[in-house]
Protein backbone atom coordinates (compact mmCIF):
# COMPACT_ATOMS: atom_id res chain seq x y z
CA MET A 1 51.68 -98.97 -24.75
CA ARG A 2 51.47 -96.36 -22.04
CA THR A 3 51.74 -92.87 -23.48
CA ALA A 4 54.23 -90.70 -21.65
CA LEU A 5 52.59 -87.61 -20.14
CA LYS A 6 54.06 -84.31 -21.27
CA ARG A 7 55.28 -82.17 -18.45
CA ARG A 8 53.71 -78.70 -18.49
CA GLY A 9 56.20 -75.88 -18.12
CA GLY A 10 55.73 -73.07 -15.54
CA PHE A 11 57.38 -69.92 -14.19
CA THR A 12 59.91 -70.27 -11.48
CA LEU A 13 59.78 -67.99 -8.43
CA VAL A 14 62.81 -66.08 -9.68
CA GLU A 15 61.15 -65.48 -13.05
CA LEU A 16 58.00 -64.20 -11.37
CA LEU A 17 60.00 -61.83 -9.20
CA VAL A 18 61.85 -60.51 -12.25
CA VAL A 19 58.56 -59.86 -14.08
CA ILE A 20 57.08 -58.11 -11.05
CA ALA A 21 60.20 -55.98 -10.74
CA ILE A 22 60.01 -54.99 -14.42
CA ILE A 23 56.33 -54.07 -14.05
CA GLY A 24 57.19 -51.98 -10.99
CA VAL A 25 59.89 -50.11 -12.89
CA LEU A 26 57.53 -49.44 -15.80
CA VAL A 27 54.81 -48.17 -13.47
CA GLY A 28 57.34 -45.93 -11.73
CA LEU A 29 58.35 -44.50 -15.09
CA LEU A 30 54.80 -44.06 -16.35
CA LEU A 31 53.16 -42.54 -13.26
CA PRO A 32 54.97 -39.17 -13.45
CA ALA A 33 54.12 -39.00 -17.15
CA VAL A 34 50.46 -39.73 -16.38
CA GLN A 35 50.40 -37.14 -13.62
CA ALA A 36 52.05 -34.60 -15.90
CA ALA A 37 49.50 -35.34 -18.61
CA ARG A 38 46.65 -34.88 -16.15
CA GLU A 39 48.04 -31.54 -14.97
CA ALA A 40 48.52 -30.46 -18.58
CA ALA A 41 44.86 -31.25 -19.21
CA ARG A 42 43.80 -29.33 -16.09
CA ARG A 43 45.96 -26.40 -17.12
CA MET A 44 44.37 -26.37 -20.57
CA SER A 45 40.91 -26.51 -19.00
CA CYS A 46 41.84 -23.55 -16.80
CA SER A 47 43.01 -21.63 -19.86
CA ASN A 48 39.71 -22.41 -21.58
CA ASN A 49 37.80 -21.10 -18.56
CA PHE A 50 39.72 -17.87 -18.83
CA LYS A 51 39.05 -17.62 -22.56
CA GLN A 52 35.33 -17.96 -21.89
CA ILE A 53 35.52 -15.19 -19.29
CA GLY A 54 37.36 -13.06 -21.85
CA LEU A 55 34.63 -13.66 -24.42
CA GLY A 56 32.03 -12.83 -21.80
CA LEU A 57 33.76 -9.54 -20.99
CA HIS A 58 34.00 -8.60 -24.66
CA ASN A 59 30.35 -9.47 -25.25
CA TYR A 60 29.40 -7.43 -22.19
CA HIS A 61 31.36 -4.49 -23.59
CA SER A 62 29.65 -4.90 -26.96
CA ALA A 63 26.27 -4.74 -25.25
CA TYR A 64 26.91 -1.93 -22.74
CA LYS A 65 29.94 -0.09 -24.18
CA GLN A 66 31.87 -0.62 -20.95
CA LEU A 67 33.32 -3.42 -18.84
CA PRO A 68 31.28 -4.69 -15.87
CA LYS A 69 31.99 -2.64 -12.81
CA GLN A 70 34.27 -4.08 -10.16
CA PHE A 71 32.92 -3.25 -6.68
CA GLY A 72 29.60 -2.11 -8.07
CA GLY A 73 25.94 -2.92 -7.60
CA THR A 74 23.28 -1.21 -5.51
CA TYR A 75 24.21 1.45 -2.98
CA ALA A 76 22.99 1.57 0.62
CA SER A 77 20.03 3.88 1.18
CA PRO A 78 19.49 5.85 4.44
CA GLY A 79 18.31 3.47 7.12
CA GLY A 80 19.26 0.45 5.04
CA ASN A 81 21.24 -2.59 6.10
CA ASP A 82 23.14 -5.52 4.62
CA ASN A 83 19.87 -7.06 3.41
CA THR A 84 18.42 -4.06 1.57
CA SER A 85 21.33 -3.58 -0.87
CA ASN A 86 24.71 -5.10 -1.66
CA ARG A 87 26.40 -1.81 -0.65
CA GLY A 88 28.15 -1.55 -4.00
CA ARG A 89 30.40 -4.53 -3.26
CA LEU A 90 29.77 -6.88 -6.18
CA SER A 91 32.61 -8.26 -8.29
CA PHE A 92 32.90 -7.94 -12.05
CA LEU A 93 32.07 -11.65 -12.32
CA VAL A 94 28.43 -11.03 -11.43
CA GLY A 95 27.87 -8.92 -14.52
CA THR A 96 29.44 -11.51 -16.82
CA LEU A 97 26.98 -14.28 -15.85
CA PRO A 98 24.46 -13.86 -18.71
CA PHE A 99 27.36 -13.84 -21.17
CA LEU A 100 28.77 -17.10 -19.78
CA GLU A 101 25.67 -19.25 -20.27
CA GLN A 102 24.59 -18.59 -16.68
CA GLN A 103 21.31 -16.87 -17.54
CA GLY A 104 19.40 -18.84 -14.91
CA LEU A 105 21.70 -17.70 -12.10
CA TRP A 106 21.66 -14.14 -13.43
CA GLU A 107 17.86 -14.04 -13.35
CA GLN A 108 17.88 -15.16 -9.73
CA ILE A 109 20.20 -12.26 -8.89
CA SER A 110 18.62 -9.57 -11.06
CA ASN A 111 15.13 -10.12 -9.63
CA PRO A 112 13.81 -9.82 -6.05
CA ARG A 113 14.19 -13.11 -4.20
CA PRO A 114 12.23 -14.15 -1.08
CA LEU A 115 13.93 -15.84 1.85
CA LEU A 116 11.69 -18.57 3.24
CA ASP A 117 11.59 -20.10 6.71
CA ALA A 118 11.24 -23.82 7.44
CA GLY A 119 7.45 -23.60 7.06
CA GLY A 120 7.59 -21.87 3.70
CA GLY A 121 6.75 -18.43 5.04
CA ILE A 122 8.53 -15.37 3.69
CA VAL A 123 11.05 -14.03 6.22
CA LEU A 124 12.16 -11.16 3.99
CA THR A 125 12.59 -10.39 0.31
CA TYR A 126 16.03 -9.60 -0.97
CA PRO A 127 16.04 -6.84 -3.61
CA ALA A 128 17.20 -7.17 -7.19
CA MET A 129 21.01 -7.62 -7.30
CA GLY A 130 20.87 -9.19 -3.87
CA PRO A 131 22.23 -8.39 -0.42
CA VAL A 132 25.90 -8.04 0.52
CA PRO A 133 27.95 -10.80 -1.14
CA PHE A 134 28.76 -12.61 2.10
CA ARG A 135 25.11 -13.45 2.89
CA ASN A 136 25.17 -17.24 3.00
CA ASN A 137 21.37 -17.60 3.08
CA TYR A 138 21.16 -15.97 -0.35
CA ALA A 139 21.33 -18.94 -2.72
CA PRO A 140 23.09 -17.25 -5.68
CA TRP A 141 26.12 -16.30 -3.60
CA ILE A 142 26.70 -19.90 -2.48
CA THR A 143 26.16 -21.29 -5.98
CA GLN A 144 29.42 -22.46 -7.50
CA VAL A 145 29.90 -21.44 -11.13
CA PRO A 146 32.11 -24.20 -12.63
CA GLY A 147 33.76 -21.77 -15.06
CA PHE A 148 35.06 -19.68 -12.15
CA ARG A 149 37.17 -22.54 -10.77
CA CYS A 150 40.55 -23.83 -11.90
CA PRO A 151 40.56 -27.67 -12.05
CA SER A 152 44.03 -27.71 -10.47
CA ASP A 153 42.77 -25.99 -7.31
CA PRO A 154 41.25 -28.69 -5.05
CA SER A 155 39.89 -26.37 -2.35
CA VAL A 156 36.12 -26.33 -1.83
CA PRO A 157 33.99 -24.14 0.46
CA SER A 158 32.33 -25.47 3.56
CA ALA A 159 28.62 -26.20 3.29
CA ASP A 160 26.36 -23.16 2.97
CA LEU A 161 29.22 -20.69 2.62
CA PRO A 162 29.90 -18.40 -0.38
CA ALA A 163 31.32 -20.15 -3.43
CA TYR A 164 34.89 -19.65 -4.67
CA THR A 165 36.66 -18.14 -7.67
CA ASN A 166 40.13 -18.57 -9.15
CA TYR A 167 39.90 -15.56 -11.46
CA ALA A 168 40.39 -11.95 -10.39
CA ALA A 169 40.38 -8.44 -11.87
CA SER A 170 43.59 -6.54 -12.62
CA HIS A 171 43.91 -3.29 -10.63
CA GLY A 172 47.29 -2.16 -11.87
CA ASP A 173 50.46 -1.29 -9.96
CA CYS A 174 49.19 1.03 -7.18
CA PHE A 175 46.83 0.58 -4.26
CA TRP A 176 46.36 3.92 -2.47
CA GLU A 177 42.66 3.97 -1.45
CA GLN A 178 41.79 1.67 -4.33
CA THR A 179 39.18 -0.21 -2.31
CA GLU A 180 36.50 2.39 -3.09
CA ILE A 181 38.31 5.16 -5.02
CA GLY A 182 36.40 7.85 -3.21
CA ILE A 183 32.87 6.49 -3.66
CA GLU A 184 31.19 5.46 -0.41
CA GLU A 185 28.76 2.57 0.07
CA ASN A 186 25.84 5.00 -0.12
CA GLY A 187 27.05 6.31 -3.47
CA ASN A 188 28.31 9.64 -2.14
CA THR A 189 31.57 11.04 -3.47
CA VAL A 190 34.36 11.76 -0.98
CA THR A 191 35.95 15.15 -1.62
CA ASP A 192 38.77 14.98 0.94
CA ALA A 193 42.08 15.95 -0.67
CA THR A 194 43.83 12.80 0.59
CA TRP A 195 41.13 10.14 0.86
CA GLY A 196 38.75 11.44 -1.77
CA GLU A 197 38.00 10.45 -5.34
CA GLY A 198 40.20 13.08 -6.93
CA ASN A 199 43.39 11.83 -5.28
CA ALA A 200 42.53 8.13 -5.32
CA LYS A 201 41.79 8.10 -9.05
CA LYS A 202 45.42 8.97 -9.78
CA TYR A 203 46.41 5.50 -8.59
CA ALA A 204 43.70 3.66 -10.55
CA ARG A 205 45.99 2.55 -13.36
CA GLY A 206 44.60 -0.93 -14.10
CA ALA A 207 41.90 -2.42 -16.30
CA PHE A 208 39.35 -2.30 -13.48
CA LYS A 209 38.76 0.64 -11.15
CA ALA A 210 36.59 0.13 -8.08
CA ARG A 211 33.12 1.75 -8.37
CA HIS A 212 34.13 3.35 -11.68
CA THR A 213 33.53 2.15 -15.22
CA THR A 214 36.24 1.27 -17.72
CA ARG A 215 35.88 1.19 -21.49
CA PHE A 216 38.14 -0.31 -24.13
CA ARG A 217 38.88 3.21 -25.33
CA ASP A 218 40.63 3.76 -21.97
CA PHE A 219 43.27 1.15 -22.88
CA LEU A 220 45.66 3.65 -24.47
CA ASP A 221 48.47 1.08 -24.28
CA GLY A 222 46.41 -1.27 -26.46
CA LEU A 223 44.25 -4.21 -25.44
CA SER A 224 46.82 -6.84 -26.45
CA GLY A 225 49.48 -5.38 -24.14
CA SER A 226 47.32 -4.76 -21.07
CA LEU A 227 46.33 -7.17 -18.31
CA MET A 228 42.60 -7.51 -17.73
CA CYS A 229 42.37 -10.44 -15.31
CA GLY A 230 44.64 -12.88 -13.52
CA GLU A 231 44.49 -16.28 -11.86
CA ILE A 232 44.50 -16.63 -8.05
CA ILE A 233 44.40 -19.59 -5.69
CA ALA A 234 41.62 -19.98 -3.14
CA ASP A 235 42.78 -19.71 0.46
CA THR A 236 43.07 -23.18 2.00
CA GLY A 237 42.92 -21.89 5.57
CA GLU A 238 46.60 -22.73 6.03
CA MET A 239 49.49 -20.26 6.29
CA GLU A 240 50.22 -20.58 2.59
CA LEU A 241 52.05 -17.64 1.03
CA SER A 242 49.80 -16.86 -1.95
CA GLY A 243 46.54 -17.74 -0.23
CA ALA A 244 46.85 -15.86 3.04
CA ALA A 245 48.20 -12.36 3.72
CA ILE A 246 50.43 -10.30 5.98
CA ARG A 247 48.53 -7.63 7.90
CA ALA A 248 50.67 -4.51 7.86
CA GLU A 249 48.54 -1.63 9.19
CA GLY A 250 50.51 1.65 9.07
CA ALA A 251 53.74 0.02 7.87
CA MET A 252 52.05 -0.66 4.55
CA GLN A 253 52.76 2.83 3.20
CA GLY A 254 56.46 3.05 3.95
CA THR A 255 57.65 -0.48 3.19
CA SER A 256 58.75 -1.51 -0.30
CA PRO A 257 57.15 -4.54 -2.00
CA GLY A 258 60.28 -6.68 -1.85
CA ALA A 259 60.97 -6.08 1.84
CA TRP A 260 58.13 -8.11 3.30
CA ALA A 261 59.90 -11.45 2.89
CA THR A 262 62.03 -10.55 5.92
CA GLN A 263 59.81 -8.06 7.72
CA ALA A 264 57.08 -8.67 10.28
CA GLY A 265 53.55 -7.35 10.02
CA GLU A 266 51.13 -6.74 12.87
CA GLY A 267 51.34 -9.50 15.50
CA GLY A 268 54.69 -10.69 14.20
CA ILE A 269 53.24 -12.24 11.06
CA MET A 270 55.97 -12.65 8.42
CA VAL A 271 57.33 -15.05 5.84
CA ASP A 272 58.86 -18.13 7.46
CA PRO A 273 62.60 -18.21 6.57
CA LEU A 274 62.69 -22.00 6.96
CA ARG A 275 59.53 -22.56 4.90
CA PRO A 276 59.52 -19.70 2.39
CA ARG A 277 56.21 -20.73 0.84
CA PHE A 278 54.46 -20.11 4.17
CA TYR A 279 53.93 -17.40 6.78
CA THR A 280 54.72 -17.86 10.45
CA GLY A 281 51.08 -17.12 11.34
CA ARG A 282 47.72 -15.85 10.15
CA ASP A 283 45.68 -12.80 11.05
CA VAL A 284 42.98 -13.84 13.53
CA GLN A 285 40.25 -12.37 11.32
CA LEU A 286 41.31 -14.74 8.54
CA SER A 287 41.69 -17.82 10.72
CA PRO A 288 39.33 -20.79 11.22
CA GLY A 289 35.98 -19.56 12.44
CA ASN A 290 35.86 -17.00 9.63
CA ASP A 291 35.72 -19.53 6.82
CA ASP A 292 34.16 -17.12 4.32
CA ARG A 293 37.17 -14.82 4.59
CA GLY A 294 40.17 -15.61 2.44
CA ARG A 295 41.66 -15.24 -1.01
CA GLY A 296 39.08 -16.15 -3.66
CA ARG A 297 36.52 -17.31 -1.09
CA GLN A 298 33.64 -15.12 -2.28
CA TRP A 299 33.24 -15.05 -6.06
CA ALA A 300 30.61 -12.31 -5.92
CA ASN A 301 32.61 -10.00 -3.64
CA GLY A 302 34.61 -7.22 -5.30
CA ARG A 303 36.83 -6.46 -2.31
CA GLU A 304 40.54 -6.80 -2.86
CA MET A 305 41.11 -10.05 -1.00
CA PHE A 306 38.51 -11.94 -2.99
CA THR A 307 38.66 -10.87 -6.63
CA ARG A 308 41.55 -8.47 -7.29
CA PHE A 309 45.28 -8.64 -7.95
CA HIS A 310 48.09 -6.15 -8.62
CA SER A 311 51.04 -6.29 -11.01
CA ILE A 312 53.59 -5.42 -8.32
CA ARG A 313 54.96 -8.66 -6.89
CA PRO A 314 55.44 -11.61 -9.29
CA PRO A 315 52.94 -14.47 -9.48
CA ASN A 316 52.85 -16.80 -6.46
CA SER A 317 54.41 -14.24 -4.14
CA TYR A 318 53.05 -12.98 -0.82
CA ASN A 319 50.07 -10.70 -0.15
CA VAL A 320 50.18 -7.67 2.14
CA MET A 321 47.08 -5.85 3.39
CA ARG A 322 46.76 -2.65 5.35
CA TRP A 323 43.50 -3.82 6.89
CA TRP A 324 41.94 -7.23 7.11
CA ASP A 325 40.69 -7.52 3.54
CA ASN A 326 41.59 -4.44 1.56
CA ASN A 327 43.99 -1.61 0.75
CA GLY A 328 46.82 -3.94 -0.01
CA MET A 329 49.15 -5.59 -2.46
CA TRP A 330 47.68 -8.80 -3.83
CA CYS A 331 49.50 -11.13 -6.22
CA ALA A 332 48.38 -13.41 -9.01
CA SER A 333 48.81 -17.12 -8.18
CA SER A 334 47.90 -20.63 -9.28
CA ARG A 335 48.30 -24.35 -8.58
CA HIS A 336 50.12 -24.75 -11.89
CA GLN A 337 53.85 -25.23 -11.63
CA GLY A 338 55.93 -22.10 -12.06
CA GLY A 339 53.43 -19.34 -12.75
CA ALA A 340 49.82 -18.35 -13.38
CA HIS A 341 47.47 -17.57 -16.25
CA VAL A 342 46.49 -14.02 -17.14
CA LEU A 343 43.80 -12.69 -19.46
CA MET A 344 44.85 -9.83 -21.72
CA GLY A 345 42.56 -7.06 -22.87
CA ASP A 346 42.14 -8.58 -26.32
CA GLY A 347 40.96 -11.88 -24.82
CA ALA A 348 44.25 -13.75 -25.21
CA VAL A 349 45.30 -16.04 -22.35
CA LYS A 350 48.99 -16.19 -21.41
CA PHE A 351 50.95 -18.13 -18.83
CA ILE A 352 53.21 -15.81 -16.82
CA THR A 353 56.13 -17.37 -14.96
CA ASP A 354 57.19 -16.52 -11.41
CA SER A 355 60.47 -15.19 -12.83
CA ILE A 356 58.89 -12.39 -14.87
CA ASP A 357 60.72 -9.05 -14.70
CA THR A 358 59.23 -7.03 -11.82
CA GLY A 359 61.68 -4.15 -11.98
CA ASP A 360 62.55 -2.14 -8.88
CA GLN A 361 61.05 -3.90 -5.85
CA THR A 362 62.32 -1.13 -3.57
CA ALA A 363 59.94 1.39 -5.17
CA LEU A 364 56.86 2.08 -3.08
CA PRO A 365 53.51 1.05 -4.61
CA LEU A 366 52.18 4.50 -3.68
CA LEU A 367 53.73 7.92 -3.44
CA ASP A 368 52.47 10.99 -1.62
CA GLN A 369 52.92 13.13 -4.72
CA GLY A 370 50.98 10.67 -6.85
CA ARG A 371 52.29 8.46 -9.63
CA GLY A 372 49.54 9.54 -11.97
CA LEU A 373 48.56 8.34 -15.40
CA GLY A 374 51.43 8.46 -17.85
CA LYS A 375 54.29 7.83 -15.44
CA GLU A 376 56.20 4.65 -16.14
CA SER A 377 55.66 1.76 -13.74
CA PRO A 378 58.76 0.93 -11.67
CA TYR A 379 57.87 -2.77 -11.68
CA GLY A 380 59.35 -3.80 -15.00
CA VAL A 381 57.47 -5.78 -17.62
CA TRP A 382 54.92 -6.98 -15.07
CA GLY A 383 54.08 -3.50 -13.87
CA ALA A 384 53.93 -2.15 -17.42
CA ALA A 385 51.42 -4.83 -18.40
CA GLY A 386 49.24 -3.90 -15.44
CA THR A 387 48.84 -0.25 -16.45
CA ILE A 388 46.54 0.55 -19.37
CA ALA A 389 47.46 4.13 -20.28
CA SER A 390 51.05 4.85 -19.27
CA LYS A 391 52.74 4.26 -22.64
CA GLU A 392 55.52 2.01 -21.31
CA THR A 393 57.89 0.53 -23.87
CA LEU A 394 58.22 -2.76 -21.98
CA SER A 395 55.91 -5.58 -23.06
CA LEU A 396 55.05 -9.17 -22.16
CA GLU A 397 56.05 -10.04 -25.73
CA ASP A 398 59.67 -8.90 -25.19
């Protein structure tokens, strides 16, 4: 007897299409969750980076009884040049290196280092603490420290250019002559009544003060209520609001912080009303061809553009500079949605939203009569957190 063959069942075309459609829907539902989980992991990694920097700063203070100097280093001697000293321009990050498991890099910086030609001959010998921080033939300045980068920031420097940072020093809520605070690149003190150290120090209300030391005893408002550092994005070279800056020249002094969204700077540079996260143009000195100039683009450089921020405008706002890289109002910023991380004086890391109270944005960030230590910041909770000795009642915990 012939055995009847069993017919094997299979999927019809309609069934296959239904299954594919279901898989597509599931993938569409899962992808945002996966992306959100990845960003959450990157954000946590960024927070951990900041915690390590906080530990490094506290260990530095334990060792030297002061915080590392922002805009410090070796001063220019008579007849010197950019190769014989760093002109007192180093960022606070340089001093933290041996406390962040970067002893090897620190030893390269803290000892004389020869520059060799193609044949191995010595062209010159850089001194201990290196040349100016934009020298791209000085290996330590182009060495990227992983702990100085936020994983959510994808920007990378071009080959053989200074390495980046996403973490900056808090300089409070004023900026009158805060680039140097009356100490010149040769170490001399300026005594001019307007531009000199005596007047400029009145506006140095933050955790770090250029070319001056800060100790924890100076935090009269308490370490837990005072900003020490903040997150910044690295300039992408685009016209992005938080990465680039408006160049204001003389208008800087008489224009309130909140007015720049609708006001032009030099050359007509202003915030684009149709694309409010971008400017309408960039200053030529910060445009392609000057790829080492930009927010966060030199981790070792203590100038304002590279490693400072102010608690005036909220996180992820615009930046305004009087000159091409200094004497300006620089905001905290990040690639995280809705805000940026900050490091408090006690080492705690907090996420500050873009909507934080910034008080009276019509108040000028500098006043001819001097705001002075002890006067309340006009910039709400954000401004109060940026000052370290003004006894404000507002707090980030409120």
